[in-house]
Protein backbone atom coordinates (compact mmCIF):
# COMPACT_ATOMS: atom_id res chain seq x y z
CA MET A 1 207.59 -72.99 63.44
CA PRO A 2 204.98 -73.15 60.67
CA VAL A 3 203.18 -76.41 60.05
CA MET A 4 204.53 -78.08 56.93
CA ALA A 5 202.04 -79.75 54.63
CA PRO A 6 203.32 -82.36 52.19
CA VAL A 7 203.27 -81.14 48.62
CA ALA A 8 203.12 -83.55 45.71
CA ALA A 9 206.10 -83.30 43.35
CA ARG A 10 203.86 -82.54 40.39
CA GLU A 11 202.45 -79.53 42.26
CA LEU A 12 206.00 -78.33 42.80
CA GLN A 13 206.59 -78.41 39.05
CA GLY A 14 203.92 -75.75 38.61
CA HIS A 15 205.45 -73.58 41.33
CA PHE A 16 208.90 -73.86 39.80
CA THR A 17 207.58 -73.09 36.32
CA THR A 18 205.81 -70.01 37.69
CA ALA A 19 208.95 -68.89 39.52
CA LEU A 20 211.09 -69.27 36.41
CA GLY A 21 208.54 -67.32 34.39
CA ALA A 22 208.56 -64.51 36.94
CA LEU A 23 212.36 -64.35 36.89
CA ASP A 24 212.40 -64.34 33.10
CA GLU A 25 210.02 -61.37 33.05
CA LEU A 26 212.32 -59.19 35.16
CA ALA A 27 213.84 -56.28 33.31
CA LEU A 28 217.64 -56.39 33.41
CA THR A 29 217.62 -53.07 35.25
CA ASP A 30 215.33 -54.50 37.95
CA ALA A 31 216.97 -57.91 38.27
CA PRO A 32 219.34 -58.66 41.14
CA ARG A 33 222.98 -59.17 40.22
CA ASP A 34 222.79 -62.81 41.28
CA LEU A 35 219.78 -63.59 39.09
CA PRO A 36 221.63 -66.31 37.12
CA PHE A 37 222.41 -68.11 40.40
CA TRP A 38 218.78 -68.06 41.56
CA ARG A 39 217.48 -69.11 38.16
CA ALA A 40 219.93 -72.04 38.06
CA HIS A 41 218.93 -72.97 41.61
CA ILE A 42 215.25 -73.14 40.66
CA VAL A 43 216.07 -75.20 37.56
CA ASP A 44 217.98 -77.63 39.82
CA LEU A 45 215.12 -77.83 42.32
CA LYS A 46 212.67 -78.43 39.48
CA ALA A 47 214.81 -81.30 38.15
CA ASN A 48 215.02 -82.83 41.64
CA ALA A 49 211.25 -82.63 42.05
CA GLN A 50 210.81 -84.30 38.67
CA MET A 51 213.12 -87.14 39.72
CA LEU A 52 211.10 -87.58 42.92
CA GLU A 53 207.87 -87.63 40.92
CA LEU A 54 209.28 -90.32 38.64
CA GLY A 55 210.58 -92.29 41.61
CA ALA A 56 214.16 -92.10 40.41
CA PRO A 57 216.89 -92.51 43.04
CA LYS A 58 218.87 -89.43 44.07
CA ALA A 59 222.36 -88.99 42.68
CA GLY A 60 224.90 -90.75 44.87
CA SER A 61 222.34 -93.15 46.33
């Protein structure tokens, strides 16, 4: 099992922004069929990281 290092939420924002940019640069012919799912998943993760950064409670808490 790899050692997990804590990552600050604001650092995650940069990773998510980079990931979204990479997905947006894919040519439609090279993109996987489930690209919209993965893009939406990253957008959701980015929003969750932003809520953690702001100290907002999670939905349902």
